Amino acid sequence: LFINTKTVGGGDYMSWAQLKDATDHNVEIGNHTHSHDFFLDQPAATRYKTFKEEIELSQSLIEENMGITPTVFSYPYGEFDNEMKGIVKAAGFKAAAAQNSGVMYSGGDLFQCPRFPMSEAYSAKAKFIEKATMKAFSLTQITPDDCMLPASNPPTLTLSFDAAGIRLNQLQCFVQGGKCSFKITDKNKVTVTLQATAPLSKKRRTLYTLTAPDKNGAWHWYSHLWINPHIKGTNY
C-alpha cells in the first residue's frame, strides 16, 4: 500500500491508526512522496531537489508515526525520468513501481517495475488469471531507455530480446488511442523497431505495447511509457 503522507487522515483517506492496523495484518507500506505532485511539471532547476526532499519528508513521517522504514517506492502517476530514478536508488529503496503494464522478471529494472491494473473494469476473474499467467520478454536492449517523449515525434523504440520459443508471426504492437507499425530487423537475436503512425500529441502518457504468444500458448507482454510534460498533468 503506497501512501503519500500529506493526505493521511484527510477526507476519506486512512489515518495513521488505520495504516498501523493494516501493517499489523501484514500489509506492507510503501513511500509515494509527500504531496503526490506532478513533479515533471516543475522547473528542472528545482524539480529534483523538491522530489528528493519530499521522499525524505515522507520517510520521516512514516517512521515517526508508524515506527517502520519503507523499502519500496512508487512514482506518483507512474511518472519519472532517469534522474528521478537515480534519486530513488540513492535514497536506499530496494525497488520502485512504475505504472506501465507488464511483467516483472529477473532481468528487469527493479526501479521501474511494471504492474497491471487489477481494479474496477480490470478486476474480472478471467482477466486476473490472464495477467497472472502472463510472461515477460527477455529484453537485452531498450532504446531509448527513458520515458520522456523526445523531440522526434512519434518516437521510435528499439527492443532486442531472446526469441526462443516465441511465435514471431503472431507478434503484435499497440498504441493507446492509435496504431503502431513495427518491423523485425534481426531474426537471430530479434530486434524490433516500433513507431506510432502519428505524433503522440493528445495524451500526457502513452504506451507502446508489444505482445506475442510462445509455442506453449503463454502470452508475453512489454509496455513502454512515453510522457509528454507539455500536456499538463491532471488527476486521472
Protein backbone atom coordinates (compact mmCIF):
# COMPACT_ATOMS: atom_id res chain seq x y z
CA LEU A 1 0.00 0.00 0.00
CA PHE A 2 1.78 3.14 -1.22
CA ILE A 3 0.91 6.30 0.71
CA ASN A 4 1.56 9.99 0.16
CA THR A 5 1.85 11.39 3.66
CA LYS A 6 0.23 14.80 3.05
CA THR A 7 -3.26 13.28 2.77
CA VAL A 8 -3.08 10.78 5.67
CA GLY A 9 -6.17 11.27 7.86
CA GLY A 10 -7.76 13.79 5.50
CA GLY A 11 -11.11 13.32 3.77
CA ASP A 12 -11.70 9.61 3.21
CA TYR A 13 -8.00 8.73 3.39
CA MET A 14 -6.77 6.30 6.01
CA SER A 15 -5.48 7.68 9.29
CA TRP A 16 -2.14 6.75 10.86
CA ALA A 17 -4.01 4.42 13.25
CA GLN A 18 -5.72 2.65 10.34
CA LEU A 19 -2.42 2.33 8.49
CA LYS A 20 -0.80 0.89 11.61
CA ASP A 21 -3.66 -1.61 11.85
CA ALA A 22 -3.03 -2.55 8.21
CA THR A 23 0.64 -3.29 8.92
CA ASP A 24 -0.42 -5.41 11.91
CA HIS A 25 -2.34 -7.50 9.36
CA ASN A 26 0.70 -7.97 7.09
CA VAL A 27 0.08 -5.11 4.67
CA GLU A 28 3.38 -3.53 3.59
CA ILE A 29 3.54 0.27 3.42
CA GLY A 30 5.47 1.96 0.61
CA ASN A 31 6.56 5.56 0.02
CA HIS A 32 4.58 7.60 -2.54
CA THR A 33 6.16 11.03 -1.78
CA HIS A 34 4.55 13.64 0.46
CA SER A 35 2.36 15.65 -1.94
CA HIS A 36 1.85 13.18 -4.84
CA ASP A 37 2.60 16.05 -7.22
CA PHE A 38 3.25 16.09 -10.96
CA PHE A 39 6.98 16.56 -10.44
CA LEU A 40 7.74 16.65 -14.18
CA ASP A 41 5.64 19.84 -14.36
CA GLN A 42 8.05 21.59 -12.01
CA PRO A 43 11.02 23.63 -13.35
CA ALA A 44 14.07 21.43 -13.92
CA ALA A 45 16.14 23.80 -11.74
CA THR A 46 14.15 22.85 -8.62
CA ARG A 47 12.39 19.60 -9.58
CA TYR A 48 14.97 17.14 -8.32
CA LYS A 49 15.67 18.97 -5.08
CA THR A 50 11.92 19.06 -4.34
CA PHE A 51 11.49 15.41 -5.29
CA LYS A 52 14.34 14.33 -3.02
CA GLU A 53 13.10 16.45 -0.11
CA GLU A 54 9.56 15.06 -0.45
CA ILE A 55 10.82 11.47 -0.36
CA GLU A 56 12.84 12.23 2.76
CA LEU A 57 9.90 14.02 4.42
CA SER A 58 7.53 11.16 3.66
CA GLN A 59 10.02 8.62 5.02
CA SER A 60 10.46 10.60 8.23
CA LEU A 61 6.70 10.97 8.78
CA ILE A 62 6.11 7.25 8.26
CA GLU A 63 8.95 6.39 10.62
CA GLU A 64 7.68 8.88 13.23
CA ASN A 65 4.04 7.77 13.10
CA MET A 66 4.41 4.06 12.40
CA GLY A 67 7.87 3.06 13.52
CA ILE A 68 8.74 1.48 10.17
CA THR A 69 11.00 2.45 7.27
CA PRO A 70 9.54 1.72 3.81
CA THR A 71 11.87 -0.10 1.43
CA VAL A 72 9.77 0.23 -1.73
CA PHE A 73 8.67 3.35 -3.62
CA SER A 74 6.00 4.23 -6.18
CA TYR A 75 6.30 7.18 -8.59
CA PRO A 76 3.24 9.47 -8.44
CA TYR A 77 1.13 8.85 -11.57
CA GLY A 78 3.89 6.45 -12.66
CA GLU A 79 5.87 9.45 -13.96
CA PHE A 80 9.65 9.77 -13.69
CA ASP A 81 12.80 10.47 -15.64
CA ASN A 82 16.20 8.85 -15.23
CA GLU A 83 17.43 11.43 -12.72
CA MET A 84 14.39 10.86 -10.50
CA LYS A 85 15.03 7.12 -10.72
CA GLY A 86 18.61 7.76 -9.57
CA ILE A 87 17.35 9.75 -6.58
CA VAL A 88 15.13 6.84 -5.53
CA LYS A 89 18.07 4.43 -5.78
CA ALA A 90 20.31 6.75 -3.78
CA ALA A 91 17.63 7.05 -1.07
CA GLY A 92 18.16 3.37 -0.25
CA PHE A 93 14.98 1.81 -1.61
CA LYS A 94 15.09 -1.77 -2.90
CA ALA A 95 12.64 -1.21 -5.75
CA ALA A 96 10.20 1.26 -7.29
CA ALA A 97 6.89 0.78 -9.09
CA ALA A 98 6.08 2.50 -12.35
CA GLN A 99 2.62 2.44 -13.93
CA ASN A 100 3.12 0.81 -17.31
CA SER A 101 1.56 -2.61 -17.72
CA GLY A 102 3.90 -5.55 -17.89
CA VAL A 103 5.56 -8.47 -16.15
CA MET A 104 8.37 -8.38 -13.60
CA TYR A 105 11.22 -10.83 -14.20
CA SER A 106 14.78 -11.40 -13.04
CA GLY A 107 16.31 -9.39 -15.90
CA GLY A 108 14.09 -6.34 -15.42
CA ASP A 109 14.87 -2.98 -13.83
CA LEU A 110 13.71 -3.10 -10.20
CA PHE A 111 13.47 0.70 -10.14
CA GLN A 112 10.75 0.84 -12.79
CA CYS A 113 8.74 -2.28 -12.05
CA PRO A 114 5.71 -2.66 -14.34
CA ARG A 115 2.29 -3.55 -12.97
CA PHE A 116 -1.09 -4.49 -14.38
CA PRO A 117 -4.28 -2.75 -13.17
CA MET A 118 -6.46 -5.15 -11.18
CA SER A 119 -9.39 -2.93 -10.15
CA GLU A 120 -12.82 -1.91 -11.44
CA ALA A 121 -13.15 -2.84 -15.15
CA TYR A 122 -9.86 -4.77 -14.95
CA SER A 123 -10.78 -6.90 -11.94
CA ALA A 124 -12.75 -9.72 -13.56
CA LYS A 125 -11.57 -13.18 -12.53
CA ALA A 126 -10.74 -14.20 -16.11
CA LYS A 127 -8.63 -11.05 -16.57
CA PHE A 128 -6.83 -11.71 -13.30
CA ILE A 129 -5.95 -15.24 -14.39
CA GLU A 130 -4.80 -13.98 -17.79
CA LYS A 131 -2.48 -11.39 -16.25
CA ALA A 132 -1.22 -13.71 -13.53
CA THR A 133 -0.06 -16.17 -16.19
CA MET A 134 1.45 -13.51 -18.49
CA LYS A 135 5.18 -13.75 -19.19
CA ALA A 136 7.86 -11.17 -19.88
CA PHE A 137 10.02 -10.72 -22.96
CA SER A 138 13.65 -11.38 -22.02
CA LEU A 139 14.95 -7.97 -23.13
CA THR A 140 18.60 -7.28 -23.87
CA GLN A 141 18.15 -3.76 -25.29
CA ILE A 142 15.70 -0.90 -24.78
CA THR A 143 16.49 2.22 -26.80
CA PRO A 144 15.87 4.84 -25.64
CA ASP A 145 15.84 3.69 -22.02
CA ASP A 146 13.83 6.73 -20.99
CA CYS A 147 10.16 7.65 -20.57
CA MET A 148 10.39 11.25 -21.70
CA LEU A 149 8.89 11.97 -25.13
CA PRO A 150 11.74 13.00 -27.44
CA ALA A 151 11.66 15.92 -29.87
CA SER A 152 11.27 13.43 -32.72
CA ASN A 153 7.56 12.61 -32.51
CA PRO A 154 6.23 9.96 -32.99
CA PRO A 155 9.12 8.37 -31.12
CA THR A 156 10.92 5.24 -32.24
CA LEU A 157 11.51 2.44 -29.75
CA THR A 158 14.00 -0.37 -30.40
CA LEU A 159 13.79 -3.60 -28.42
CA SER A 160 16.05 -6.66 -28.59
CA PHE A 161 15.03 -9.88 -26.89
CA ASP A 162 15.64 -13.61 -26.73
CA ALA A 163 13.03 -15.05 -29.07
CA ALA A 164 13.47 -18.71 -28.14
CA GLY A 165 10.02 -20.26 -28.34
CA ILE A 166 8.28 -17.00 -29.34
CA ARG A 167 5.84 -17.18 -32.25
CA LEU A 168 7.17 -14.17 -34.14
CA ASN A 169 4.49 -14.48 -36.83
CA GLN A 170 1.96 -13.52 -34.12
CA LEU A 171 3.90 -10.55 -32.75
CA GLN A 172 1.60 -7.54 -32.26
CA CYS A 173 2.15 -3.87 -31.47
CA PHE A 174 -0.38 -1.47 -29.90
CA VAL A 175 -0.51 2.24 -29.09
CA GLN A 176 -3.09 3.76 -26.75
CA GLY A 177 -5.62 5.54 -28.93
CA GLY A 178 -3.92 4.63 -32.19
CA LYS A 179 -1.97 2.16 -34.28
CA CYS A 180 1.68 1.18 -34.22
CA SER A 181 3.87 -0.09 -37.03
CA PHE A 182 6.86 -2.33 -36.38
CA LYS A 183 9.48 -4.34 -38.18
CA ILE A 184 11.81 -7.18 -37.18
CA THR A 185 15.37 -6.26 -38.15
CA ASP A 186 17.24 -9.33 -36.92
CA LYS A 187 15.69 -12.78 -36.75
CA ASN A 188 18.54 -14.30 -34.77
CA LYS A 189 18.54 -12.29 -31.56
CA VAL A 190 15.39 -10.44 -32.69
CA THR A 191 15.47 -6.68 -32.72
CA VAL A 192 12.10 -4.99 -33.12
CA THR A 193 11.59 -1.33 -34.01
CA LEU A 194 8.26 0.23 -33.02
CA GLN A 195 6.82 3.59 -34.01
CA ALA A 196 3.35 5.07 -33.82
CA THR A 197 1.82 6.06 -37.14
CA ALA A 198 1.02 9.58 -35.88
CA PRO A 199 2.55 12.02 -33.36
CA LEU A 200 1.72 11.44 -29.69
CA SER A 201 0.15 14.83 -29.08
CA LYS A 202 -3.22 14.25 -27.41
CA LYS A 203 -2.26 12.47 -24.18
CA ARG A 204 0.22 13.14 -21.43
CA ARG A 205 1.00 9.42 -21.05
CA THR A 206 1.04 6.92 -23.92
CA LEU A 207 2.08 3.29 -24.02
CA TYR A 208 3.76 1.31 -26.78
CA THR A 209 2.83 -2.33 -26.11
CA LEU A 210 4.34 -5.44 -27.66
CA THR A 211 2.71 -8.88 -27.27
CA ALA A 212 3.28 -12.37 -28.65
CA PRO A 213 2.45 -15.95 -27.67
CA ASP A 214 5.08 -18.63 -27.26
CA LYS A 215 4.95 -22.19 -28.55
CA ASN A 216 3.28 -23.32 -25.31
CA GLY A 217 0.45 -20.81 -25.76
CA ALA A 218 1.56 -18.42 -23.00
CA TRP A 219 1.47 -14.71 -23.86
CA HIS A 220 4.46 -12.40 -23.44
CA TRP A 221 3.95 -8.68 -22.81
CA TYR A 222 6.01 -5.49 -22.70
CA SER A 223 4.88 -1.86 -22.46
CA HIS A 224 6.99 1.27 -22.74
CA LEU A 225 5.68 4.53 -21.29
CA TRP A 226 6.10 7.88 -23.05
CA ILE A 227 5.41 11.06 -21.05
CA ASN A 228 4.65 14.37 -22.74
CA PRO A 229 5.18 17.01 -19.98
CA HIS A 230 3.93 19.76 -22.31
CA ILE A 231 0.43 18.43 -21.64
CA LYS A 232 -0.34 19.49 -18.10
CA GLY A 233 -0.98 16.76 -15.59
CA THR A 234 -4.50 16.05 -14.43
CA ASN A 235 -5.55 13.61 -11.74
CA TYR A 236 -6.89 10.76 -13.89
